[in-house]
Amino acid sequence: MSRSALLKNRKGMSLVEIMVVIAIIGVLMTVIAVNVTGYLDDANASATKIEINNLEKALIAYQAKHKGRAPTTSEGLDAAKKYFPNNEVPTDAWGNPFQYFSPGTHGNHDYEIISLGKDGKEGGEDVNADILSWDMKD
């Protein structure tokens, strides 16, 4: 049989071939999604730690203008918002507000900043774990 005759007899991919290709694509997408999600969670935790460091720098500027006094817990981070970009108090990487306490209760800190993690609830493990300003590792 000639090549043109073979091509004329072939009408396309069979349903089984199409389903096999779709199944392979589905498995690949699942593997990629699982791996990317883990990296995104790690990136959000790192971004939140960076934001806490930025908040601490803004609070140092606030203290320099206010004779070494940090905003009280009741004044909150809003008292120092003019030292933040766009004059807005930032949120953590998951869009949750930071918790702020002054004076600090853990060690000898003027203030403490807490992100409640991905779930926005106190406590938790892994990506849901709280990120604490006094417990961050450099």
N, C-alpha and C. Protein backbone atom coordinates (compact mmCIF):
# COMPACT_ATOMS: atom_id res chain seq x y z
N MET A 1 0.84 -1.18 0.00
CA MET A 1 0.00 0.00 0.00
C MET A 1 0.88 1.24 0.00
N SER A 2 0.44 2.22 -0.73
CA SER A 2 1.22 3.46 -0.79
C SER A 2 0.95 4.32 0.45
N ARG A 3 1.84 5.26 0.61
CA ARG A 3 1.73 6.15 1.79
C ARG A 3 0.41 6.93 1.76
N SER A 4 0.02 7.42 0.62
CA SER A 4 -1.23 8.19 0.51
C SER A 4 -2.44 7.33 0.82
N ALA A 5 -2.38 6.07 0.50
CA ALA A 5 -3.49 5.18 0.81
C ALA A 5 -3.59 4.94 2.32
N LEU A 6 -2.42 4.82 3.00
CA LEU A 6 -2.43 4.64 4.45
C LEU A 6 -3.00 5.87 5.15
N LEU A 7 -2.60 7.05 4.67
CA LEU A 7 -3.10 8.28 5.28
C LEU A 7 -4.59 8.46 5.07
N LYS A 8 -5.11 8.00 3.92
CA LYS A 8 -6.54 8.13 3.67
C LYS A 8 -7.34 7.21 4.58
N ASN A 9 -6.79 6.04 4.94
CA ASN A 9 -7.50 5.10 5.79
C ASN A 9 -7.50 5.54 7.26
N ARG A 10 -6.54 6.32 7.63
CA ARG A 10 -6.43 6.80 9.03
C ARG A 10 -7.28 8.05 9.17
N LYS A 11 -8.27 8.07 10.04
CA LYS A 11 -9.20 9.18 10.16
C LYS A 11 -8.96 10.04 11.39
N GLY A 12 -7.94 9.76 12.17
CA GLY A 12 -7.66 10.55 13.36
C GLY A 12 -7.35 9.64 14.53
N MET A 13 -7.26 10.27 15.69
CA MET A 13 -6.94 9.51 16.90
C MET A 13 -8.21 8.84 17.41
N SER A 14 -8.02 7.66 17.97
CA SER A 14 -9.17 6.95 18.54
C SER A 14 -9.50 7.55 19.91
N LEU A 15 -10.66 7.25 20.39
CA LEU A 15 -11.09 7.73 21.70
C LEU A 15 -10.15 7.24 22.80
N VAL A 16 -9.68 6.02 22.69
CA VAL A 16 -8.76 5.47 23.69
C VAL A 16 -7.45 6.26 23.69
N GLU A 17 -6.93 6.59 22.53
CA GLU A 17 -5.69 7.37 22.45
C GLU A 17 -5.87 8.75 23.07
N ILE A 18 -6.98 9.38 22.80
CA ILE A 18 -7.26 10.70 23.37
C ILE A 18 -7.37 10.61 24.89
N MET A 19 -8.03 9.59 25.40
CA MET A 19 -8.18 9.43 26.86
C MET A 19 -6.83 9.17 27.53
N VAL A 20 -5.95 8.42 26.87
CA VAL A 20 -4.62 8.16 27.42
C VAL A 20 -3.84 9.47 27.51
N VAL A 21 -3.89 10.29 26.48
CA VAL A 21 -3.19 11.58 26.48
C VAL A 21 -3.75 12.48 27.59
N ILE A 22 -5.05 12.55 27.74
CA ILE A 22 -5.67 13.37 28.78
C ILE A 22 -5.26 12.87 30.17
N ALA A 23 -5.22 11.55 30.37
CA ALA A 23 -4.80 10.99 31.66
C ALA A 23 -3.36 11.35 31.98
N ILE A 24 -2.48 11.27 30.99
CA ILE A 24 -1.07 11.63 31.19
C ILE A 24 -0.95 13.11 31.55
N ILE A 25 -1.66 13.96 30.85
CA ILE A 25 -1.64 15.41 31.15
C ILE A 25 -2.16 15.66 32.56
N GLY A 26 -3.22 14.96 32.96
CA GLY A 26 -3.78 15.12 34.31
C GLY A 26 -2.78 14.74 35.39
N VAL A 27 -2.08 13.62 35.19
CA VAL A 27 -1.08 13.19 36.17
C VAL A 27 0.04 14.22 36.27
N LEU A 28 0.52 14.71 35.13
CA LEU A 28 1.59 15.72 35.13
C LEU A 28 1.14 17.00 35.84
N MET A 29 -0.08 17.43 35.58
CA MET A 29 -0.59 18.66 36.22
C MET A 29 -0.71 18.48 37.73
N THR A 30 -1.12 17.31 38.18
CA THR A 30 -1.24 17.05 39.61
C THR A 30 0.12 17.10 40.29
N VAL A 31 1.11 16.47 39.69
CA VAL A 31 2.46 16.47 40.26
C VAL A 31 3.00 17.90 40.32
N ILE A 32 2.82 18.65 39.27
CA ILE A 32 3.30 20.04 39.24
C ILE A 32 2.57 20.88 40.27
N ALA A 33 1.25 20.75 40.37
CA ALA A 33 0.47 21.55 41.31
C ALA A 33 0.88 21.29 42.76
N VAL A 34 1.12 20.03 43.11
CA VAL A 34 1.52 19.69 44.47
C VAL A 34 2.87 20.33 44.80
N ASN A 35 3.81 20.26 43.88
CA ASN A 35 5.13 20.83 44.12
C ASN A 35 5.10 22.35 44.16
N VAL A 36 4.35 22.98 43.29
CA VAL A 36 4.28 24.44 43.26
C VAL A 36 3.59 24.97 44.52
N THR A 37 2.57 24.31 44.99
CA THR A 37 1.86 24.76 46.19
C THR A 37 2.80 24.81 47.39
N GLY A 38 3.65 23.81 47.53
CA GLY A 38 4.61 23.80 48.62
C GLY A 38 5.58 24.96 48.54
N TYR A 39 6.03 25.28 47.34
CA TYR A 39 6.94 26.41 47.16
C TYR A 39 6.24 27.74 47.44
N LEU A 40 4.98 27.85 47.05
CA LEU A 40 4.23 29.09 47.30
C LEU A 40 4.05 29.31 48.80
N ASP A 41 3.76 28.26 49.54
CA ASP A 41 3.61 28.39 50.99
C ASP A 41 4.92 28.84 51.63
N ASP A 42 6.03 28.26 51.20
CA ASP A 42 7.34 28.67 51.72
C ASP A 42 7.64 30.12 51.37
N ALA A 43 7.30 30.51 50.15
CA ALA A 43 7.54 31.89 49.71
C ALA A 43 6.69 32.87 50.52
N ASN A 44 5.45 32.51 50.81
CA ASN A 44 4.59 33.39 51.62
C ASN A 44 5.12 33.54 53.04
N ALA A 45 5.62 32.46 53.62
CA ALA A 45 6.20 32.54 54.96
C ALA A 45 7.44 33.44 54.95
N SER A 46 8.28 33.29 53.93
CA SER A 46 9.47 34.15 53.82
C SER A 46 9.09 35.60 53.61
N ALA A 47 8.09 35.86 52.77
CA ALA A 47 7.64 37.23 52.52
C ALA A 47 7.08 37.85 53.80
N THR A 48 6.39 37.06 54.60
CA THR A 48 5.84 37.56 55.87
C THR A 48 6.96 37.92 56.84
N LYS A 49 8.01 37.10 56.89
CA LYS A 49 9.15 37.42 57.76
C LYS A 49 9.82 38.71 57.31
N ILE A 50 9.94 38.90 56.01
CA ILE A 50 10.51 40.14 55.48
C ILE A 50 9.64 41.32 55.87
N GLU A 51 8.33 41.15 55.78
CA GLU A 51 7.41 42.23 56.15
C GLU A 51 7.51 42.57 57.63
N ILE A 52 7.68 41.56 58.48
CA ILE A 52 7.86 41.82 59.91
C ILE A 52 9.15 42.64 60.12
N ASN A 53 10.21 42.28 59.41
CA ASN A 53 11.45 43.06 59.50
C ASN A 53 11.23 44.50 59.05
N ASN A 54 10.45 44.70 58.00
CA ASN A 54 10.14 46.05 57.53
C ASN A 54 9.32 46.81 58.57
N LEU A 55 8.38 46.13 59.20
CA LEU A 55 7.59 46.76 60.26
C LEU A 55 8.49 47.19 61.42
N GLU A 56 9.44 46.33 61.77
CA GLU A 56 10.35 46.67 62.86
C GLU A 56 11.19 47.91 62.51
N LYS A 57 11.62 48.02 61.26
CA LYS A 57 12.38 49.21 60.84
C LYS A 57 11.52 50.46 60.92
N ALA A 58 10.27 50.34 60.53
CA ALA A 58 9.36 51.49 60.62
C ALA A 58 9.12 51.86 62.09
N LEU A 59 9.01 50.87 62.95
CA LEU A 59 8.82 51.14 64.38
C LEU A 59 10.06 51.78 65.00
N ILE A 60 11.23 51.43 64.50
CA ILE A 60 12.46 52.08 64.98
C ILE A 60 12.44 53.56 64.59
N ALA A 61 11.99 53.85 63.37
CA ALA A 61 11.87 55.26 62.95
C ALA A 61 10.84 55.99 63.81
N TYR A 62 9.73 55.31 64.12
CA TYR A 62 8.71 55.90 65.00
C TYR A 62 9.31 56.21 66.37
N GLN A 63 10.05 55.25 66.91
CA GLN A 63 10.65 55.44 68.23
C GLN A 63 11.65 56.59 68.22
N ALA A 64 12.38 56.76 67.13
CA ALA A 64 13.35 57.85 67.04
C ALA A 64 12.66 59.21 67.12
N LYS A 65 11.46 59.31 66.57
CA LYS A 65 10.69 60.56 66.59
C LYS A 65 9.91 60.75 67.90
N HIS A 66 9.75 59.69 68.68
CA HIS A 66 8.94 59.76 69.89
C HIS A 66 9.74 59.41 71.15
N LYS A 67 10.97 59.86 71.18
CA LYS A 67 11.83 59.72 72.37
C LYS A 67 11.96 58.27 72.84
N GLY A 68 12.07 57.36 71.91
CA GLY A 68 12.29 55.95 72.24
C GLY A 68 11.05 55.16 72.60
N ARG A 69 9.87 55.77 72.52
CA ARG A 69 8.62 55.10 72.89
C ARG A 69 8.00 54.43 71.67
N ALA A 70 7.66 53.17 71.80
CA ALA A 70 6.93 52.46 70.75
C ALA A 70 5.44 52.71 70.92
N PRO A 71 4.66 52.57 69.85
CA PRO A 71 3.21 52.69 70.03
C PRO A 71 2.70 51.66 71.02
N THR A 72 1.71 52.01 71.81
CA THR A 72 1.12 51.06 72.75
C THR A 72 0.28 50.05 71.99
N THR A 73 -0.13 49.00 72.69
CA THR A 73 -0.99 48.00 72.06
C THR A 73 -2.28 48.65 71.57
N SER A 74 -2.87 49.55 72.37
CA SER A 74 -4.13 50.19 71.98
C SER A 74 -3.93 51.13 70.79
N GLU A 75 -2.77 51.77 70.68
CA GLU A 75 -2.49 52.62 69.52
C GLU A 75 -2.25 51.76 68.28
N GLY A 76 -1.63 50.63 68.49
CA GLY A 76 -1.39 49.69 67.41
C GLY A 76 -0.44 50.20 66.34
N LEU A 77 -0.36 49.43 65.28
CA LEU A 77 0.52 49.79 64.17
C LEU A 77 0.03 51.01 63.41
N ASP A 78 -1.26 51.35 63.56
CA ASP A 78 -1.80 52.55 62.90
C ASP A 78 -1.06 53.81 63.34
N ALA A 79 -0.57 53.83 64.57
CA ALA A 79 0.14 55.01 65.07
C ALA A 79 1.41 55.27 64.28
N ALA A 80 1.99 54.23 63.70
CA ALA A 80 3.25 54.38 62.96
C ALA A 80 3.04 54.28 61.45
N LYS A 81 1.81 54.35 60.98
CA LYS A 81 1.57 54.08 59.57
C LYS A 81 2.22 55.09 58.63
N LYS A 82 2.55 56.28 59.11
CA LYS A 82 3.20 57.24 58.22
C LYS A 82 4.62 56.80 57.86
N TYR A 83 5.15 55.82 58.58
CA TYR A 83 6.48 55.28 58.29
C TYR A 83 6.43 54.07 57.36
N PHE A 84 5.23 53.67 56.97
CA PHE A 84 5.06 52.54 56.06
C PHE A 84 4.83 53.05 54.64
N PRO A 85 5.15 52.23 53.63
CA PRO A 85 4.86 52.64 52.25
C PRO A 85 3.38 52.94 52.07
N ASN A 86 3.09 53.98 51.33
CA ASN A 86 1.71 54.42 51.05
C ASN A 86 0.94 54.79 52.30
N ASN A 87 1.63 55.00 53.41
CA ASN A 87 0.98 55.34 54.69
C ASN A 87 -0.09 54.34 55.09
N GLU A 88 0.13 53.07 54.76
CA GLU A 88 -0.82 52.01 55.09
C GLU A 88 -0.11 50.92 55.89
N VAL A 89 -0.80 50.40 56.88
CA VAL A 89 -0.24 49.28 57.64
C VAL A 89 -0.33 48.03 56.77
N PRO A 90 0.81 47.39 56.49
CA PRO A 90 0.77 46.20 55.63
C PRO A 90 0.14 45.01 56.32
N THR A 91 -0.24 44.04 55.52
CA THR A 91 -0.75 42.77 56.03
C THR A 91 0.29 41.69 55.74
N ASP A 92 0.09 40.51 56.29
CA ASP A 92 1.01 39.41 55.99
C ASP A 92 0.75 38.91 54.57
N ALA A 93 1.54 37.95 54.14
CA ALA A 93 1.46 37.47 52.75
C ALA A 93 0.13 36.81 52.41
N TRP A 94 -0.64 36.45 53.42
CA TRP A 94 -1.95 35.82 53.19
C TRP A 94 -3.08 36.84 53.31
N GLY A 95 -2.73 38.12 53.49
CA GLY A 95 -3.74 39.18 53.58
C GLY A 95 -4.31 39.38 54.96
N ASN A 96 -3.75 38.72 55.97
CA ASN A 96 -4.24 38.86 57.34
C ASN A 96 -3.51 40.00 58.05
N PRO A 97 -4.19 40.72 58.93
CA PRO A 97 -3.51 41.78 59.67
C PRO A 97 -2.51 41.19 60.67
N PHE A 98 -1.45 41.94 60.91
CA PHE A 98 -0.49 41.53 61.94
C PHE A 98 -1.07 41.84 63.31
N GLN A 99 -0.71 41.02 64.29
CA GLN A 99 -1.05 41.27 65.68
C GLN A 99 0.12 42.06 66.27
N TYR A 100 -0.19 43.08 67.07
CA TYR A 100 0.86 43.93 67.64
C TYR A 100 0.62 44.11 69.13
N PHE A 101 1.68 43.94 69.91
CA PHE A 101 1.59 44.11 71.35
C PHE A 101 2.78 44.93 71.85
N SER A 102 2.52 45.90 72.70
CA SER A 102 3.59 46.69 73.29
C SER A 102 3.16 47.10 74.70
N PRO A 103 3.95 46.82 75.69
CA PRO A 103 5.27 46.20 75.61
C PRO A 103 5.17 44.70 75.33
N GLY A 104 6.31 44.14 74.87
CA GLY A 104 6.35 42.72 74.57
C GLY A 104 6.30 41.88 75.83
N THR A 105 5.85 40.65 75.69
CA THR A 105 5.74 39.75 76.83
C THR A 105 6.74 38.60 76.77
N HIS A 106 7.48 38.49 75.69
CA HIS A 106 8.47 37.42 75.51
C HIS A 106 9.87 38.02 75.49
N GLY A 107 10.55 37.96 76.60
CA GLY A 107 11.89 38.53 76.66
C GLY A 107 11.82 40.03 76.86
N ASN A 108 12.91 40.69 76.57
CA ASN A 108 13.02 42.12 76.78
C ASN A 108 12.80 42.87 75.47
N HIS A 109 11.56 42.90 75.01
CA HIS A 109 11.22 43.54 73.74
C HIS A 109 10.26 44.70 74.00
N ASP A 110 10.49 45.80 73.26
CA ASP A 110 9.56 46.94 73.36
C ASP A 110 8.20 46.59 72.78
N TYR A 111 8.19 45.70 71.81
CA TYR A 111 6.95 45.34 71.11
C TYR A 111 7.11 43.95 70.51
N GLU A 112 6.00 43.37 70.11
CA GLU A 112 5.98 42.07 69.45
C GLU A 112 5.02 42.14 68.27
N ILE A 113 5.42 41.51 67.19
CA ILE A 113 4.59 41.46 65.98
C ILE A 113 4.37 40.00 65.65
N ILE A 114 3.12 39.65 65.36
CA ILE A 114 2.76 38.26 65.11
C ILE A 114 1.93 38.17 63.83
N SER A 115 2.29 37.19 62.98
CA SER A 115 1.43 36.78 61.88
C SER A 115 0.82 35.45 62.28
N LEU A 116 -0.46 35.31 62.09
CA LEU A 116 -1.14 34.07 62.48
C LEU A 116 -1.05 32.98 61.42
N GLY A 117 -0.22 33.18 60.40
CA GLY A 117 0.00 32.16 59.39
C GLY A 117 -1.12 32.10 58.37
N LYS A 118 -1.05 31.08 57.55
CA LYS A 118 -1.98 30.93 56.43
C LYS A 118 -3.44 30.85 56.87
N ASP A 119 -3.70 30.14 57.97
CA ASP A 119 -5.09 29.95 58.41
C ASP A 119 -5.65 31.15 59.17
N GLY A 120 -4.80 32.09 59.57
CA GLY A 120 -5.26 33.28 60.29
C GLY A 120 -5.74 32.99 61.70
N LYS A 121 -5.36 31.82 62.24
CA LYS A 121 -5.78 31.44 63.59
C LYS A 121 -4.54 31.20 64.45
N GLU A 122 -4.68 31.46 65.73
CA GLU A 122 -3.56 31.28 66.65
C GLU A 122 -3.12 29.82 66.70
N GLY A 123 -1.81 29.62 66.75
CA GLY A 123 -1.25 28.27 66.79
C GLY A 123 -1.12 27.71 65.38
N GLY A 124 -1.09 26.43 65.29
CA GLY A 124 -0.99 25.77 63.99
C GLY A 124 0.40 25.22 63.73
N GLU A 125 0.49 24.44 62.67
CA GLU A 125 1.75 23.82 62.28
C GLU A 125 2.01 24.11 60.81
N ASP A 126 3.26 23.96 60.42
CA ASP A 126 3.71 24.17 59.05
C ASP A 126 3.30 25.55 58.57
N VAL A 127 2.57 25.65 57.44
CA VAL A 127 2.20 26.97 56.91
C VAL A 127 1.16 27.68 57.76
N ASN A 128 0.48 26.95 58.61
CA ASN A 128 -0.50 27.55 59.50
C ASN A 128 0.13 28.03 60.81
N ALA A 129 1.42 27.77 60.99
CA ALA A 129 2.10 28.16 62.23
C ALA A 129 2.23 29.68 62.30
N ASP A 130 2.15 30.20 63.53
CA ASP A 130 2.34 31.63 63.75
C ASP A 130 3.79 32.00 63.46
N ILE A 131 3.99 33.20 62.93
CA ILE A 131 5.33 33.74 62.73
C ILE A 131 5.49 34.85 63.75
N LEU A 132 6.47 34.69 64.62
CA LEU A 132 6.63 35.56 65.78
C LEU A 132 7.89 36.41 65.63
N SER A 133 7.77 37.72 65.84
CA SER A 133 8.91 38.60 65.65
C SER A 133 10.07 38.25 66.58
N TRP A 134 9.80 37.78 67.77
CA TRP A 134 10.87 37.48 68.73
C TRP A 134 11.48 36.09 68.51
N ASP A 135 10.91 35.32 67.59
CA ASP A 135 11.36 33.95 67.40
C ASP A 135 11.84 33.69 65.97
N MET A 136 12.06 34.75 65.21
CA MET A 136 12.48 34.56 63.82
C MET A 136 13.97 34.29 63.77
N LYS A 137 14.33 33.35 62.92
CA LYS A 137 15.74 33.04 62.72
C LYS A 137 16.23 33.80 61.49
N ASP A 138 17.41 34.36 61.61
CA ASP A 138 17.99 35.11 60.49
C ASP A 138 18.42 34.21 59.37
